[in-house]
Amino acid sequence: PPVGVSKACSSCVRTADVKEACTQCDQFVCQNCSRLCSSCNTVTCSLCSTIDYGDVGEQVLCNGCSIFQV
C-alpha cells in the first residue's frame, strides 16, 4: 500500500498496527480485537478463533488448534 495509508481492523474498522495481522486469514486486527491462542500463542481475529468454556476455564483457540480439541 502507499505510504501514509493506514490499515483498518477487520473487526471494528479502527486503525490497526501494520504488524498486527491474524495468522489464520491475514486480516489486520487492532490490539483490542486481537485474540491470542491459548495453545499455540498466535494472534487471531474473532472470526478465526473460538472460546472453549471447558473444565480448565475460558480458553481462546485459533481455528487450527480448535479442531484438535474434543
PDB file of N, CA and C in Angstrom:
ATOM      1  N   PRO A   1       0.828  -1.203   0.000  1.00  0.00           N
ATOM      2  CA  PRO A   1       0.000   0.000   0.000  1.00  0.00           C
ATOM      3  C   PRO A   1       0.869   1.262   0.000  1.00  0.00           C
ATOM      4  N   PRO A   2       0.342   2.357  -0.462  1.00  0.00           N
ATOM      5  CA  PRO A   2       1.105   3.602  -0.478  1.00  0.00           C
ATOM      6  C   PRO A   2       1.468   4.056   0.929  1.00  0.00           C
ATOM      7  N   VAL A   3       2.543   4.811   1.032  1.00  0.00           N
ATOM      8  CA  VAL A   3       2.988   5.309   2.327  1.00  0.00           C
ATOM      9  C   VAL A   3       1.941   6.266   2.882  1.00  0.00           C
ATOM     10  N   GLY A   4       1.664   6.147   4.179  1.00  0.00           N
ATOM     11  CA  GLY A   4       0.698   7.026   4.813  1.00  0.00           C
ATOM     12  C   GLY A   4      -0.711   6.478   4.844  1.00  0.00           C
ATOM     13  N   VAL A   5      -0.976   5.383   4.156  1.00  0.00           N
ATOM     14  CA  VAL A   5      -2.305   4.782   4.176  1.00  0.00           C
ATOM     15  C   VAL A   5      -2.365   3.832   5.370  1.00  0.00           C
ATOM     16  N   SER A   6      -3.373   4.022   6.208  1.00  0.00           N
ATOM     17  CA  SER A   6      -3.474   3.197   7.410  1.00  0.00           C
ATOM     18  C   SER A   6      -4.207   1.904   7.110  1.00  0.00           C
ATOM     19  N   LYS A   7      -3.952   0.923   7.925  1.00  0.00           N
ATOM     20  CA  LYS A   7      -4.642  -0.359   7.827  1.00  0.00           C
ATOM     21  C   LYS A   7      -5.823  -0.335   8.785  1.00  0.00           C
ATOM     22  N   ALA A   8      -6.933  -0.890   8.382  1.00  0.00           N
ATOM     23  CA  ALA A   8      -8.120  -0.907   9.233  1.00  0.00           C
ATOM     24  C   ALA A   8      -8.323  -2.300   9.813  1.00  0.00           C
ATOM     25  N   CYS A   9      -8.738  -2.340  11.061  1.00  0.00           N
ATOM     26  CA  CYS A   9      -9.052  -3.603  11.726  1.00  0.00           C
ATOM     27  C   CYS A   9     -10.241  -4.251  11.027  1.00  0.00           C
ATOM     28  N   SER A  10     -10.163  -5.539  10.795  1.00  0.00           N
ATOM     29  CA  SER A  10     -11.244  -6.250  10.111  1.00  0.00           C
ATOM     30  C   SER A  10     -12.483  -6.396  10.990  1.00  0.00           C
ATOM     31  N   SER A  11     -12.355  -6.217  12.296  1.00  0.00           N
ATOM     32  CA  SER A  11     -13.499  -6.364  13.195  1.00  0.00           C
ATOM     33  C   SER A  11     -14.191  -5.036  13.503  1.00  0.00           C
ATOM     34  N   CYS A  12     -13.415  -4.031  13.924  1.00  0.00           N
ATOM     35  CA  CYS A  12     -14.031  -2.781  14.366  1.00  0.00           C
ATOM     36  C   CYS A  12     -13.734  -1.606  13.443  1.00  0.00           C
ATOM     37  N   VAL A  13     -12.921  -1.785  12.435  1.00  0.00           N
ATOM     38  CA  VAL A  13     -12.561  -0.804  11.424  1.00  0.00           C
ATOM     39  C   VAL A  13     -11.731   0.359  11.990  1.00  0.00           C
ATOM     40  N   ARG A  14     -11.213   0.200  13.197  1.00  0.00           N
ATOM     41  CA  ARG A  14     -10.263   1.181  13.718  1.00  0.00           C
ATOM     42  C   ARG A  14      -8.914   0.926  13.078  1.00  0.00           C
ATOM     43  N   THR A  15      -8.020   1.887  13.200  1.00  0.00           N
ATOM     44  CA  THR A  15      -6.692   1.735  12.639  1.00  0.00           C
ATOM     45  C   THR A  15      -5.941   0.651  13.386  1.00  0.00           C
ATOM     46  N   ALA A  16      -5.338  -0.261  12.647  1.00  0.00           N
ATOM     47  CA  ALA A  16      -4.563  -1.355  13.236  1.00  0.00           C
ATOM     48  C   ALA A  16      -3.094  -1.168  12.883  1.00  0.00           C
ATOM     49  N   ASP A  17      -2.225  -1.579  13.774  1.00  0.00           N
ATOM     50  CA  ASP A  17      -0.800  -1.528  13.511  1.00  0.00           C
ATOM     51  C   ASP A  17      -0.487  -2.509  12.385  1.00  0.00           C
ATOM     52  N   VAL A  18       0.450  -2.154  11.523  1.00  0.00           N
ATOM     53  CA  VAL A  18       0.775  -2.986  10.358  1.00  0.00           C
ATOM     54  C   VAL A  18       1.229  -4.381  10.777  1.00  0.00           C
ATOM     55  N   LYS A  19       1.893  -4.499  11.918  1.00  0.00           N
ATOM     56  CA  LYS A  19       2.401  -5.802  12.344  1.00  0.00           C
ATOM     57  C   LYS A  19       1.340  -6.677  12.998  1.00  0.00           C
ATOM     58  N   GLU A  20       0.152  -6.115  13.247  1.00  0.00           N
ATOM     59  CA  GLU A  20      -0.922  -6.884  13.869  1.00  0.00           C
ATOM     60  C   GLU A  20      -1.845  -7.452  12.808  1.00  0.00           C
ATOM     61  N   ALA A  21      -1.637  -8.706  12.478  1.00  0.00           N
ATOM     62  CA  ALA A  21      -2.492  -9.374  11.492  1.00  0.00           C
ATOM     63  C   ALA A  21      -2.819 -10.763  11.993  1.00  0.00           C
ATOM     64  N   CYS A  22      -3.996 -11.230  11.660  1.00  0.00           N
ATOM     65  CA  CYS A  22      -4.433 -12.571  12.036  1.00  0.00           C
ATOM     66  C   CYS A  22      -3.549 -13.594  11.331  1.00  0.00           C
ATOM     67  N   THR A  23      -3.056 -14.564  12.071  1.00  0.00           N
ATOM     68  CA  THR A  23      -2.203 -15.590  11.476  1.00  0.00           C
ATOM     69  C   THR A  23      -2.994 -16.596  10.662  1.00  0.00           C
ATOM     70  N   GLN A  24      -4.314 -16.606  10.816  1.00  0.00           N
ATOM     71  CA  GLN A  24      -5.153 -17.553  10.083  1.00  0.00           C
ATOM     72  C   GLN A  24      -5.604 -16.985   8.737  1.00  0.00           C
ATOM     73  N   CYS A  25      -6.090 -15.730   8.722  1.00  0.00           N
ATOM     74  CA  CYS A  25      -6.660 -15.169   7.493  1.00  0.00           C
ATOM     75  C   CYS A  25      -5.906 -13.951   6.966  1.00  0.00           C
ATOM     76  N   ASP A  26      -4.868 -13.498   7.682  1.00  0.00           N
ATOM     77  CA  ASP A  26      -4.040 -12.350   7.297  1.00  0.00           C
ATOM     78  C   ASP A  26      -4.780 -11.020   7.289  1.00  0.00           C
ATOM     79  N   GLN A  27      -5.975 -10.956   7.873  1.00  0.00           N
ATOM     80  CA  GLN A  27      -6.682  -9.685   8.010  1.00  0.00           C
ATOM     81  C   GLN A  27      -6.043  -8.889   9.142  1.00  0.00           C
ATOM     82  N   PHE A  28      -6.023  -7.569   9.008  1.00  0.00           N
ATOM     83  CA  PHE A  28      -5.451  -6.741  10.058  1.00  0.00           C
ATOM     84  C   PHE A  28      -6.400  -6.664  11.240  1.00  0.00           C
ATOM     85  N   VAL A  29      -5.820  -6.696  12.452  1.00  0.00           N
ATOM     86  CA  VAL A  29      -6.598  -6.707  13.682  1.00  0.00           C
ATOM     87  C   VAL A  29      -5.971  -5.719  14.653  1.00  0.00           C
ATOM     88  N   CYS A  30      -6.786  -4.853  15.262  1.00  0.00           N
ATOM     89  CA  CYS A  30      -6.248  -3.928  16.255  1.00  0.00           C
ATOM     90  C   CYS A  30      -6.009  -4.684  17.569  1.00  0.00           C
ATOM     91  N   GLN A  31      -5.332  -4.026  18.481  1.00  0.00           N
ATOM     92  CA  GLN A  31      -4.973  -4.687  19.739  1.00  0.00           C
ATOM     93  C   GLN A  31      -6.215  -5.064  20.553  1.00  0.00           C
ATOM     94  N   ASN A  32      -7.279  -4.262  20.473  1.00  0.00           N
ATOM     95  CA  ASN A  32      -8.498  -4.552  21.234  1.00  0.00           C
ATOM     96  C   ASN A  32      -9.250  -5.768  20.702  1.00  0.00           C
ATOM     97  N   CYS A  33      -9.165  -6.020  19.406  1.00  0.00           N
ATOM     98  CA  CYS A  33      -9.927  -7.114  18.796  1.00  0.00           C
ATOM     99  C   CYS A  33      -9.113  -8.392  18.609  1.00  0.00           C
ATOM    100  N   SER A  34      -7.807  -8.301  18.765  1.00  0.00           N
ATOM    101  CA  SER A  34      -6.987  -9.494  18.555  1.00  0.00           C
ATOM    102  C   SER A  34      -7.136 -10.452  19.728  1.00  0.00           C
ATOM    103  N   ARG A  35      -7.003 -11.718  19.423  1.00  0.00           N
ATOM    104  CA  ARG A  35      -7.067 -12.768  20.449  1.00  0.00           C
ATOM    105  C   ARG A  35      -5.813 -13.618  20.337  1.00  0.00           C
ATOM    106  N   LEU A  36      -5.300 -14.035  21.462  1.00  0.00           N
ATOM    107  CA  LEU A  36      -4.102 -14.869  21.497  1.00  0.00           C
ATOM    108  C   LEU A  36      -4.510 -16.305  21.786  1.00  0.00           C
ATOM    109  N   CYS A  37      -4.143 -17.213  20.893  1.00  0.00           N
ATOM    110  CA  CYS A  37      -4.491 -18.622  21.062  1.00  0.00           C
ATOM    111  C   CYS A  37      -3.812 -19.176  22.309  1.00  0.00           C
ATOM    112  N   SER A  38      -4.577 -19.835  23.155  1.00  0.00           N
ATOM    113  CA  SER A  38      -4.042 -20.413  24.389  1.00  0.00           C
ATOM    114  C   SER A  38      -3.131 -21.594  24.127  1.00  0.00           C
ATOM    115  N   SER A  39      -3.252 -22.202  22.966  1.00  0.00           N
ATOM    116  CA  SER A  39      -2.476 -23.392  22.654  1.00  0.00           C
ATOM    117  C   SER A  39      -1.157 -23.063  21.951  1.00  0.00           C
ATOM    118  N   CYS A  40      -1.226 -22.305  20.850  1.00  0.00           N
ATOM    119  CA  CYS A  40      -0.009 -22.051  20.063  1.00  0.00           C
ATOM    120  C   CYS A  40       0.486 -20.613  20.145  1.00  0.00           C
ATOM    121  N   ASN A  41      -0.211 -19.756  20.917  1.00  0.00           N
ATOM    122  CA  ASN A  41       0.186 -18.360  21.146  1.00  0.00           C
ATOM    123  C   ASN A  41       0.276 -17.511  19.883  1.00  0.00           C
ATOM    124  N   THR A  42      -0.576 -17.765  18.892  1.00  0.00           N
ATOM    125  CA  THR A  42      -0.603 -16.941  17.702  1.00  0.00           C
ATOM    126  C   THR A  42      -1.762 -15.950  17.791  1.00  0.00           C
ATOM    127  N   VAL A  43      -1.621 -14.819  17.120  1.00  0.00           N
ATOM    128  CA  VAL A  43      -2.644 -13.779  17.113  1.00  0.00           C
ATOM    129  C   VAL A  43      -3.705 -14.130  16.078  1.00  0.00           C
ATOM    130  N   THR A  44      -4.967 -14.084  16.492  1.00  0.00           N
ATOM    131  CA  THR A  44      -6.074 -14.362  15.582  1.00  0.00           C
ATOM    132  C   THR A  44      -7.146 -13.301  15.732  1.00  0.00           C
ATOM    133  N   CYS A  45      -8.009 -13.202  14.735  1.00  0.00           N
ATOM    134  CA  CYS A  45      -9.156 -12.299  14.822  1.00  0.00           C
ATOM    135  C   CYS A  45     -10.334 -13.076  15.415  1.00  0.00           C
ATOM    136  N   SER A  46     -11.423 -12.375  15.660  1.00  0.00           N
ATOM    137  CA  SER A  46     -12.578 -13.024  16.289  1.00  0.00           C
ATOM    138  C   SER A  46     -13.225 -14.064  15.377  1.00  0.00           C
ATOM    139  N   LEU A  47     -13.096 -13.901  14.064  1.00  0.00           N
ATOM    140  CA  LEU A  47     -13.689 -14.864  13.136  1.00  0.00           C
ATOM    141  C   LEU A  47     -12.883 -16.155  13.034  1.00  0.00           C
ATOM    142  N   CYS A  48     -11.591 -16.079  13.325  1.00  0.00           N
ATOM    143  CA  CYS A  48     -10.714 -17.248  13.180  1.00  0.00           C
ATOM    144  C   CYS A  48     -10.369 -17.878  14.523  1.00  0.00           C
ATOM    145  N   SER A  49     -11.148 -17.583  15.545  1.00  0.00           N
ATOM    146  CA  SER A  49     -10.888 -18.179  16.850  1.00  0.00           C
ATOM    147  C   SER A  49     -12.202 -18.521  17.529  1.00  0.00           C
ATOM    148  N   THR A  50     -12.123 -19.442  18.439  1.00  0.00           N
ATOM    149  CA  THR A  50     -13.286 -19.818  19.234  1.00  0.00           C
ATOM    150  C   THR A  50     -12.889 -19.784  20.702  1.00  0.00           C
ATOM    151  N   ILE A  51     -13.873 -19.643  21.571  1.00  0.00           N
ATOM    152  CA  ILE A  51     -13.610 -19.662  23.007  1.00  0.00           C
ATOM    153  C   ILE A  51     -14.124 -20.986  23.551  1.00  0.00           C
ATOM    154  N   ASP A  52     -13.229 -21.716  24.195  1.00  0.00           N
ATOM    155  CA  ASP A  52     -13.564 -23.011  24.778  1.00  0.00           C
ATOM    156  C   ASP A  52     -13.876 -22.796  26.254  1.00  0.00           C
ATOM    157  N   TYR A  53     -15.102 -23.091  26.639  1.00  0.00           N
ATOM    158  CA  TYR A  53     -15.521 -22.952  28.034  1.00  0.00           C
ATOM    159  C   TYR A  53     -15.462 -24.316  28.715  1.00  0.00           C
ATOM    160  N   GLY A  54     -14.293 -24.920  28.765  1.00  0.00           N
ATOM    161  CA  GLY A  54     -14.125 -26.264  29.303  1.00  0.00           C
ATOM    162  C   GLY A  54     -13.873 -26.276  30.794  1.00  0.00           C
ATOM    163  N   ASP A  55     -13.404 -27.426  31.263  1.00  0.00           N
ATOM    164  CA  ASP A  55     -13.128 -27.622  32.682  1.00  0.00           C
ATOM    165  C   ASP A  55     -12.005 -26.724  33.184  1.00  0.00           C
ATOM    166  N   VAL A  56     -11.073 -26.388  32.296  1.00  0.00           N
ATOM    167  CA  VAL A  56      -9.899 -25.596  32.680  1.00  0.00           C
ATOM    168  C   VAL A  56     -10.260 -24.121  32.817  1.00  0.00           C
ATOM    169  N   GLY A  57     -11.401 -23.718  32.299  1.00  0.00           N
ATOM    170  CA  GLY A  57     -11.795 -22.319  32.283  1.00  0.00           C
ATOM    171  C   GLY A  57     -11.900 -21.856  30.844  1.00  0.00           C
ATOM    172  N   GLU A  58     -11.960 -20.560  30.673  1.00  0.00           N
ATOM    173  CA  GLU A  58     -12.123 -19.980  29.354  1.00  0.00           C
ATOM    174  C   GLU A  58     -10.790 -19.954  28.610  1.00  0.00           C
ATOM    175  N   GLN A  59     -10.752 -20.562  27.431  1.00  0.00           N
ATOM    176  CA  GLN A  59      -9.540 -20.585  26.614  1.00  0.00           C
ATOM    177  C   GLN A  59      -9.876 -20.146  25.200  1.00  0.00           C
ATOM    178  N   VAL A  60      -9.020 -19.295  24.634  1.00  0.00           N
ATOM    179  CA  VAL A  60      -9.156 -18.895  23.237  1.00  0.00           C
ATOM    180  C   VAL A  60      -8.348 -19.871  22.398  1.00  0.00           C
ATOM    181  N   LEU A  61      -8.968 -20.402  21.354  1.00  0.00           N
ATOM    182  CA  LEU A  61      -8.276 -21.329  20.466  1.00  0.00           C
ATOM    183  C   LEU A  61      -8.439 -20.860  19.023  1.00  0.00           C
ATOM    184  N   CYS A  62      -7.327 -20.826  18.279  1.00  0.00           N
ATOM    185  CA  CYS A  62      -7.431 -20.498  16.861  1.00  0.00           C
ATOM    186  C   CYS A  62      -8.085 -21.668  16.141  1.00  0.00           C
ATOM    187  N   ASN A  63      -8.547 -21.435  14.923  1.00  0.00           N
ATOM    188  CA  ASN A  63      -9.215 -22.498  14.172  1.00  0.00           C
ATOM    189  C   ASN A  63      -8.320 -23.714  13.983  1.00  0.00           C
ATOM    190  N   GLY A  64      -7.023 -23.495  13.829  1.00  0.00           N
ATOM    191  CA  GLY A  64      -6.090 -24.612  13.660  1.00  0.00           C
ATOM    192  C   GLY A  64      -6.012 -25.500  14.894  1.00  0.00           C
ATOM    193  N   CYS A  65      -6.002 -24.883  16.068  1.00  0.00           N
ATOM    194  CA  CYS A  65      -5.909 -25.674  17.303  1.00  0.00           C
ATOM    195  C   CYS A  65      -7.262 -26.206  17.762  1.00  0.00           C
ATOM    196  N   SER A  66      -8.347 -25.512  17.434  1.00  0.00           N
ATOM    197  CA  SER A  66      -9.655 -25.938  17.925  1.00  0.00           C
ATOM    198  C   SER A  66     -10.120 -27.245  17.321  1.00  0.00           C
ATOM    199  N   ILE A  67      -9.603 -27.612  16.149  1.00  0.00           N
ATOM    200  CA  ILE A  67     -10.024 -28.895  15.551  1.00  0.00           C
ATOM    201  C   ILE A  67      -9.439 -30.090  16.310  1.00  0.00           C
ATOM    202  N   PHE A  68      -8.407 -29.835  17.123  1.00  0.00           N
ATOM    203  CA  PHE A  68      -7.809 -30.916  17.908  1.00  0.00           C
ATOM    204  C   PHE A  68      -8.433 -31.068  19.284  1.00  0.00           C
ATOM    205  N   GLN A  69      -9.301 -30.115  19.665  1.00  0.00           N
ATOM    206  CA  GLN A  69      -9.970 -30.185  20.961  1.00  0.00           C
ATOM    207  C   GLN A  69     -11.268 -30.964  20.803  1.00  0.00           C
ATOM    208  N   VAL A  70     -11.539 -31.814  21.764  1.00  0.00           N
ATOM    209  CA  VAL A  70     -12.773 -32.604  21.704  1.00  0.00           C
ATOM    210  C   VAL A  70     -13.729 -32.127  22.782  1.00  0.00           C
TER     211      VAL A  70
END
